[in-house]
Amino acid sequence: MPYREIVPMPSQECRL
C-alpha cells in the first residue's frame, strides 16, 4: 500500500 505516493503530505505520514 504505497499510500505515500498517493498522499503528498509528509505531515501526517511522519506523525503517524
PDB file of N, CA and C in Angstrom:
ATOM      1  N   MET A   1       0.835  -1.209   0.000  1.00  0.00           N
ATOM      2  CA  MET A   1       0.000   0.000   0.000  1.00  0.00           C
ATOM      3  C   MET A   1       0.868   1.257   0.000  1.00  0.00           C
ATOM      4  N   PRO A   2       1.262   1.667  -1.184  1.00  0.00           N
ATOM      5  CA  PRO A   2       2.119   2.866  -1.324  1.00  0.00           C
ATOM      6  C   PRO A   2       1.318   4.152  -1.171  1.00  0.00           C
ATOM      7  N   TYR A   3       0.681   4.297  -0.037  1.00  0.00           N
ATOM      8  CA  TYR A   3      -0.133   5.498   0.185  1.00  0.00           C
ATOM      9  C   TYR A   3       0.745   6.743   0.270  1.00  0.00           C
ATOM     10  N   ARG A   4       2.034   6.498   0.373  1.00  0.00           N
ATOM     11  CA  ARG A   4       2.977   7.619   0.473  1.00  0.00           C
ATOM     12  C   ARG A   4       2.978   8.431  -0.822  1.00  0.00           C
ATOM     13  N   GLU A   5       2.844   7.732  -1.957  1.00  0.00           N
ATOM     14  CA  GLU A   5       2.835   8.429  -3.243  1.00  0.00           C
ATOM     15  C   GLU A   5       1.475   9.064  -3.502  1.00  0.00           C
ATOM     16  N   ILE A   6       0.434   8.439  -2.949  1.00  0.00           N
ATOM     17  CA  ILE A   6      -0.915   8.951  -3.168  1.00  0.00           C
ATOM     18  C   ILE A   6      -1.171  10.185  -2.306  1.00  0.00           C
ATOM     19  N   VAL A   7      -0.637  10.164  -1.093  1.00  0.00           N
ATOM     20  CA  VAL A   7      -0.843  11.295  -0.182  1.00  0.00           C
ATOM     21  C   VAL A   7       0.443  12.112  -0.058  1.00  0.00           C
ATOM     22  N   PRO A   8       0.508  13.235  -0.804  1.00  0.00           N
ATOM     23  CA  PRO A   8       1.695  14.086  -0.775  1.00  0.00           C
ATOM     24  C   PRO A   8       1.740  14.960   0.471  1.00  0.00           C
ATOM     25  N   MET A   9       1.545  14.324   1.635  1.00  0.00           N
ATOM     26  CA  MET A   9       1.562  15.092   2.882  1.00  0.00           C
ATOM     27  C   MET A   9       2.392  14.341   3.918  1.00  0.00           C
ATOM     28  N   PRO A  10       3.665  14.663   4.004  1.00  0.00           N
ATOM     29  CA  PRO A  10       4.572  14.015   4.950  1.00  0.00           C
ATOM     30  C   PRO A  10       4.317  14.475   6.389  1.00  0.00           C
ATOM     31  N   SER A  11       3.297  15.293   6.557  1.00  0.00           N
ATOM     32  CA  SER A  11       2.978  15.787   7.898  1.00  0.00           C
ATOM     33  C   SER A  11       2.344  14.668   8.729  1.00  0.00           C
ATOM     34  N   GLN A  12       1.280  14.080   8.165  1.00  0.00           N
ATOM     35  CA  GLN A  12       0.593  13.003   8.876  1.00  0.00           C
ATOM     36  C   GLN A  12       1.378  11.710   8.740  1.00  0.00           C
ATOM     37  N   GLU A  13       2.028  11.558   7.615  1.00  0.00           N
ATOM     38  CA  GLU A  13       2.786  10.326   7.363  1.00  0.00           C
ATOM     39  C   GLU A  13       3.918  10.175   8.378  1.00  0.00           C
ATOM     40  N   CYS A  14       4.531  11.273   8.710  1.00  0.00           N
ATOM     41  CA  CYS A  14       5.651  11.228   9.658  1.00  0.00           C
ATOM     42  C   CYS A  14       5.115  11.163  11.089  1.00  0.00           C
ATOM     43  N   ARG A  15       4.006  11.815  11.304  1.00  0.00           N
ATOM     44  CA  ARG A  15       3.430  11.858  12.638  1.00  0.00           C
ATOM     45  C   ARG A  15       2.818  10.503  12.983  1.00  0.00           C
ATOM     46  N   LEU A  16       2.151   9.896  12.005  1.00  0.00           N
ATOM     47  CA  LEU A  16       1.505   8.597  12.261  1.00  0.00           C
ATOM     48  C   LEU A  16       2.559   7.538  12.430  1.00  0.00           C
TER      49      LEU A  16
END
